Amino acid sequence: MSNVDLLTVPLSTLILLIVIGLCAGLITGVMGGSGVSVVVPILIVFMGFSVLQAIGTSLFVDIVASVVASFTYHQHGNVDLSHGLWMALAAVIGAQFGSFFAHSTPASGLAFFFAAFLIINGAYIMKAGMRSITERASGFARRRLYAGLDQSTMKKRAGALSVLFGLGIGIISGFVGAGGGLLFLLVLLLVLGYEPHIAIGTSTLIMAITATSAATSYYLLGNLDIVAALIISAGTILTSRIGAVAANKLGQDILGRVIALILIVLGIVVLLNPVKM
């Protein structure tokens, strides 16, 4: 479709765009996840956006929502870029590669695996509980990844893992139009042993940086509707803040169940709309 014109956009379309933003912002605020599963399918199905245009617009929305949410987590002392910074820098590079591939490769197969990934991880978190997973992750990191290492070597290995995962997640983010928040969250939890609230806050900030990199590529290639993105983003500002405040007040186990439920629901949404990704 042609770009949304703010002066002529119908009221029903304006309301739909704001509702999209409200839903996307809530997802980002609560769990640091991208709103791509909400934004992309609705823009394609109900507004006639091309896949690439919907992805580019979704990435812009991710920037706004994740900046607001990460600022809220930072106010609660739940952002730690000690290793996340290296992950973010690598993700910026990876996002450029992913954006390039997206303009020449169908994403339906990747969408299926991404959906399965979300559902499996959501089911595992729901069954095991966040506290148990965090303890196991910390134990795994100590025994398998960092056992017998001095503090200096441990930091170097953690930095190397951060770069490796950041590059890979950045490629995926640029490819499917997600800021990578969920993947960053899982790496921070399971590989680097972050506490859940800090992992969410940090992953949200990294997502803002990654989405900025990918969105820039889509904009330069003419696949980002600025007006639609701004309208949707207006909705995300409110709910991403509300979601982040609520998440910071939730207990670890309750937060884990909320994350698990959202993962499963998003996975089902992606699975039911593979072509639209």
Protein backbone atom coordinates (compact mmCIF):
# COMPACT_ATOMS: atom_id res chain seq x y z
CA MET A 1 0.00 0.00 0.00
CA SER A 2 1.00 3.65 -0.28
CA ASN A 3 2.31 5.30 2.84
CA VAL A 4 -0.22 6.36 5.44
CA ASP A 5 -1.19 10.02 5.06
CA LEU A 6 -1.88 11.63 8.42
CA LEU A 7 -4.21 14.21 6.86
CA THR A 8 -6.46 11.69 5.12
CA VAL A 9 -6.19 8.54 7.26
CA PRO A 10 -9.68 7.25 8.26
CA LEU A 11 -10.57 7.31 11.97
CA SER A 12 -10.96 3.51 12.00
CA THR A 13 -7.43 3.09 10.64
CA LEU A 14 -6.08 5.56 13.18
CA ILE A 15 -7.72 3.64 16.03
CA LEU A 16 -6.41 0.32 14.69
CA LEU A 17 -2.85 1.66 14.56
CA ILE A 18 -3.07 2.94 18.13
CA VAL A 19 -4.47 -0.39 19.38
CA ILE A 20 -1.58 -2.19 17.67
CA GLY A 21 0.78 0.08 19.57
CA LEU A 22 -0.94 -0.55 22.90
CA CYS A 23 -0.57 -4.32 22.48
CA ALA A 24 3.02 -4.14 21.25
CA GLY A 25 4.04 -1.83 24.08
CA LEU A 26 2.58 -4.14 26.70
CA ILE A 27 4.58 -7.08 25.36
CA THR A 28 7.79 -5.04 25.39
CA GLY A 29 7.22 -3.61 28.85
CA VAL A 30 6.38 -6.87 30.59
CA MET A 31 9.05 -9.11 29.13
CA GLY A 32 11.37 -7.12 26.90
CA GLY A 33 9.98 -8.87 23.83
CA SER A 34 9.46 -7.43 20.35
CA GLY A 35 5.95 -6.51 19.25
CA VAL A 36 6.61 -7.98 15.79
CA SER A 37 4.05 -10.78 16.26
CA VAL A 38 1.36 -8.16 16.76
CA VAL A 39 2.49 -5.42 14.42
CA VAL A 40 3.54 -7.33 11.29
CA PRO A 41 0.51 -9.65 10.79
CA ILE A 42 -2.04 -6.88 11.43
CA LEU A 43 -0.34 -4.41 9.09
CA ILE A 44 -0.27 -7.03 6.34
CA VAL A 45 -3.76 -8.50 6.79
CA PHE A 46 -5.78 -5.41 7.68
CA MET A 47 -3.84 -2.58 6.07
CA GLY A 48 -2.32 -4.15 2.98
CA PHE A 49 1.31 -3.48 3.84
CA SER A 50 3.96 -5.47 2.03
CA VAL A 51 5.95 -7.86 4.21
CA LEU A 52 9.09 -5.75 4.03
CA GLN A 53 7.19 -2.52 4.77
CA ALA A 54 5.47 -4.14 7.76
CA ILE A 55 8.80 -5.41 9.08
CA GLY A 56 10.48 -2.02 8.72
CA THR A 57 7.59 -0.29 10.49
CA SER A 58 7.63 -2.90 13.27
CA LEU A 59 11.33 -2.29 13.88
CA PHE A 60 10.71 1.44 14.34
CA VAL A 61 7.97 0.67 16.86
CA ASP A 62 10.39 -1.63 18.71
CA ILE A 63 12.81 1.28 19.10
CA VAL A 64 10.26 3.51 20.82
CA ALA A 65 8.72 0.81 23.01
CA SER A 66 12.04 -0.62 24.16
CA VAL A 67 13.56 2.80 24.94
CA VAL A 68 10.60 3.64 27.20
CA ALA A 69 10.61 0.21 28.86
CA SER A 70 14.38 0.04 29.38
CA PHE A 71 14.38 3.51 30.95
CA THR A 72 11.79 2.26 33.46
CA TYR A 73 13.89 -0.83 34.26
CA HIS A 74 16.94 1.42 34.65
CA GLN A 75 15.05 3.51 37.20
CA HIS A 76 14.54 0.31 39.21
CA GLY A 77 18.23 -0.61 38.93
CA ASN A 78 17.52 -3.50 36.56
CA VAL A 79 19.83 -2.78 33.61
CA ASP A 80 23.35 -4.24 33.47
CA LEU A 81 25.40 -3.79 30.30
CA SER A 82 28.60 -5.33 31.69
CA HIS A 83 28.31 -8.11 29.07
CA GLY A 84 25.20 -6.85 27.32
CA LEU A 85 27.11 -4.00 25.68
CA TRP A 86 29.25 -6.41 23.67
CA MET A 87 26.13 -8.32 22.70
CA ALA A 88 24.48 -5.10 21.56
CA LEU A 89 27.44 -4.02 19.43
CA ALA A 90 27.61 -7.42 17.74
CA ALA A 91 23.84 -7.38 17.20
CA VAL A 92 24.09 -4.04 15.40
CA ILE A 93 26.40 -5.64 12.85
CA GLY A 94 24.28 -8.78 12.60
CA ALA A 95 21.12 -6.74 12.03
CA GLN A 96 22.66 -5.23 8.91
CA PHE A 97 23.30 -8.69 7.47
CA GLY A 98 19.80 -9.83 8.43
CA SER A 99 18.21 -6.80 6.77
CA PHE A 100 20.14 -7.54 3.58
CA PHE A 101 19.02 -11.17 3.51
CA ALA A 102 15.40 -10.21 4.22
CA HIS A 103 15.13 -8.36 0.93
CA SER A 104 15.95 -11.48 -1.09
CA THR A 105 14.85 -14.46 1.02
CA PRO A 106 11.36 -15.75 2.02
CA ALA A 107 10.99 -15.96 5.80
CA SER A 108 8.24 -18.57 6.14
CA GLY A 109 10.61 -21.39 7.12
CA LEU A 110 12.37 -19.28 9.70
CA ALA A 111 9.00 -18.20 11.09
CA PHE A 112 8.07 -21.83 11.74
CA PHE A 113 11.26 -22.56 13.68
CA PHE A 114 10.98 -19.25 15.52
CA ALA A 115 7.42 -20.16 16.56
CA ALA A 116 8.49 -23.60 17.76
CA PHE A 117 11.36 -22.01 19.67
CA LEU A 118 8.98 -19.65 21.47
CA ILE A 119 6.42 -22.34 22.34
CA ILE A 120 8.98 -24.87 23.61
CA ASN A 121 10.75 -22.31 25.78
CA GLY A 122 7.46 -20.95 27.08
CA ALA A 123 6.26 -24.42 28.03
CA TYR A 124 9.56 -25.17 29.77
CA ILE A 125 9.46 -21.97 31.79
CA MET A 126 5.84 -22.58 32.73
CA LYS A 127 6.61 -26.11 33.92
CA ALA A 128 9.94 -25.56 35.68
CA GLY A 129 9.37 -22.09 37.12
CA MET A 130 11.63 -19.08 36.67
CA ARG A 131 13.36 -19.41 40.02
CA SER A 132 14.33 -23.01 39.32
CA ILE A 133 15.51 -22.16 35.81
CA THR A 134 17.58 -19.25 37.07
CA GLU A 135 19.26 -21.46 39.67
CA ARG A 136 19.95 -24.16 37.10
CA ALA A 137 21.27 -21.60 34.61
CA SER A 138 23.61 -20.12 37.19
CA GLY A 139 24.78 -23.61 38.15
CA PHE A 140 25.28 -24.57 34.50
CA ALA A 141 27.29 -21.40 33.87
CA ARG A 142 29.50 -22.07 36.88
CA ARG A 143 30.05 -25.78 36.15
CA ARG A 144 30.19 -25.87 32.35
CA LEU A 145 31.06 -22.46 31.00
CA TYR A 146 33.19 -20.86 33.68
CA ALA A 147 34.41 -23.70 35.91
CA GLY A 148 38.02 -23.38 37.01
CA LEU A 149 38.52 -20.00 35.36
CA ASP A 150 39.98 -17.00 37.09
CA GLN A 151 37.99 -13.76 37.11
CA SER A 152 39.84 -12.27 34.14
CA THR A 153 39.39 -15.35 31.93
CA MET A 154 35.76 -15.68 33.00
CA LYS A 155 35.05 -12.13 31.85
CA LYS A 156 36.76 -12.77 28.52
CA ARG A 157 34.74 -15.93 27.90
CA ALA A 158 31.49 -14.21 28.85
CA GLY A 159 32.39 -11.38 26.48
CA ALA A 160 33.12 -13.81 23.65
CA LEU A 161 29.80 -15.60 24.17
CA SER A 162 28.01 -12.25 24.24
CA VAL A 163 29.53 -11.27 20.89
CA LEU A 164 28.73 -14.65 19.32
CA PHE A 165 25.11 -14.70 20.40
CA GLY A 166 24.68 -10.99 19.69
CA LEU A 167 25.81 -11.43 16.10
CA GLY A 168 23.45 -14.37 15.53
CA ILE A 169 20.45 -12.71 17.16
CA GLY A 170 21.15 -9.50 15.24
CA ILE A 171 20.95 -11.41 11.95
CA ILE A 172 17.63 -12.96 12.97
CA SER A 173 16.31 -9.58 14.14
CA GLY A 174 17.07 -7.85 10.88
CA PHE A 175 15.62 -10.77 8.94
CA VAL A 176 12.21 -11.18 10.60
CA GLY A 177 11.68 -7.63 11.87
CA ALA A 178 11.95 -8.37 15.58
CA GLY A 179 14.22 -6.40 17.87
CA GLY A 180 15.45 -9.71 19.32
CA GLY A 181 14.29 -9.03 22.86
CA LEU A 182 13.12 -12.58 23.59
CA LEU A 183 16.32 -14.13 22.29
CA PHE A 184 18.51 -11.65 24.15
CA LEU A 185 16.46 -12.36 27.27
CA LEU A 186 17.02 -16.11 27.03
CA VAL A 187 20.76 -15.72 26.46
CA LEU A 188 21.11 -13.37 29.42
CA LEU A 189 19.16 -15.82 31.59
CA LEU A 190 20.53 -19.17 30.47
CA VAL A 191 24.07 -18.39 29.29
CA LEU A 192 25.19 -15.36 31.27
CA GLY A 193 23.16 -16.15 34.40
CA TYR A 194 21.38 -12.81 34.81
CA GLU A 195 18.60 -12.46 37.40
CA PRO A 196 15.20 -12.26 35.59
CA HIS A 197 14.37 -8.60 36.21
CA ILE A 198 17.87 -7.47 35.22
CA ALA A 199 17.80 -9.78 32.19
CA ILE A 200 14.54 -8.23 30.97
CA GLY A 201 15.73 -4.67 31.50
CA THR A 202 19.06 -5.31 29.81
CA SER A 203 17.56 -7.25 26.89
CA THR A 204 15.08 -4.43 26.31
CA LEU A 205 17.87 -1.86 26.03
CA ILE A 206 19.84 -4.12 23.69
CA MET A 207 16.68 -4.55 21.60
CA ALA A 208 16.42 -0.76 21.21
CA ILE A 209 19.97 -0.61 19.86
CA THR A 210 19.49 -3.59 17.52
CA ALA A 211 16.14 -2.37 16.20
CA THR A 212 17.68 1.03 15.44
CA SER A 213 20.35 -0.62 13.30
CA ALA A 214 17.88 -2.78 11.37
CA ALA A 215 15.24 -0.08 10.99
CA THR A 216 17.81 2.25 9.45
CA SER A 217 18.46 -0.26 6.67
CA TYR A 218 14.75 -0.72 5.98
CA TYR A 219 14.23 3.05 5.90
CA LEU A 220 17.07 3.61 3.45
CA LEU A 221 15.57 0.94 1.18
CA GLY A 222 12.15 2.59 1.31
CA ASN A 223 10.45 -0.03 3.47
CA LEU A 224 9.45 1.95 6.56
CA ASP A 225 6.18 3.89 6.82
CA ILE A 226 7.14 6.73 9.14
CA VAL A 227 3.60 8.05 9.73
CA ALA A 228 2.16 4.62 10.58
CA ALA A 229 5.18 3.90 12.77
CA LEU A 230 4.75 7.15 14.71
CA ILE A 231 1.03 6.53 15.31
CA ILE A 232 1.65 2.97 16.52
CA SER A 233 4.55 4.15 18.66
CA ALA A 234 2.27 6.66 20.41
CA GLY A 235 0.31 3.71 21.79
CA THR A 236 3.43 1.84 22.86
CA ILE A 237 4.68 4.71 25.02
CA LEU A 238 1.81 4.29 27.48
CA THR A 239 1.64 0.50 27.75
CA SER A 240 5.38 -0.20 27.62
CA ARG A 241 5.76 2.06 30.65
CA ILE A 242 2.82 0.42 32.45
CA GLY A 243 4.07 -3.08 31.59
CA ALA A 244 7.60 -2.34 32.75
CA VAL A 245 6.43 -0.87 36.07
CA ALA A 246 4.20 -3.89 36.70
CA ALA A 247 6.97 -6.36 35.77
CA ASN A 248 9.41 -4.74 38.19
CA LYS A 249 6.92 -5.27 41.02
CA LEU A 250 6.11 -8.90 40.23
CA GLY A 251 7.78 -11.73 42.14
CA GLN A 252 10.25 -13.90 40.23
CA ASP A 253 7.93 -16.90 39.90
CA ILE A 254 4.91 -14.83 38.89
CA LEU A 255 7.00 -12.94 36.33
CA GLY A 256 8.23 -16.26 34.99
CA ARG A 257 4.68 -17.51 34.46
CA VAL A 258 3.73 -14.29 32.70
CA ILE A 259 6.75 -14.58 30.42
CA ALA A 260 5.96 -18.23 29.71
CA LEU A 261 2.35 -17.48 28.79
CA ILE A 262 3.34 -14.64 26.47
CA LEU A 263 5.98 -16.81 24.80
CA ILE A 264 3.45 -19.55 24.11
CA VAL A 265 0.80 -17.15 22.79
CA LEU A 266 3.28 -15.35 20.54
CA GLY A 267 4.58 -18.66 19.26
CA ILE A 268 1.07 -19.75 18.32
CA VAL A 269 0.41 -16.41 16.59
CA VAL A 270 3.59 -16.75 14.54
CA LEU A 271 2.82 -20.39 13.76
CA LEU A 272 -0.64 -19.51 12.47
CA ASN A 273 0.78 -16.73 10.31
CA PRO A 274 4.03 -18.14 8.91
CA VAL A 275 3.85 -16.48 5.50
CA LYS A 276 3.14 -13.08 7.00
CA MET A 277 6.48 -13.03 8.79
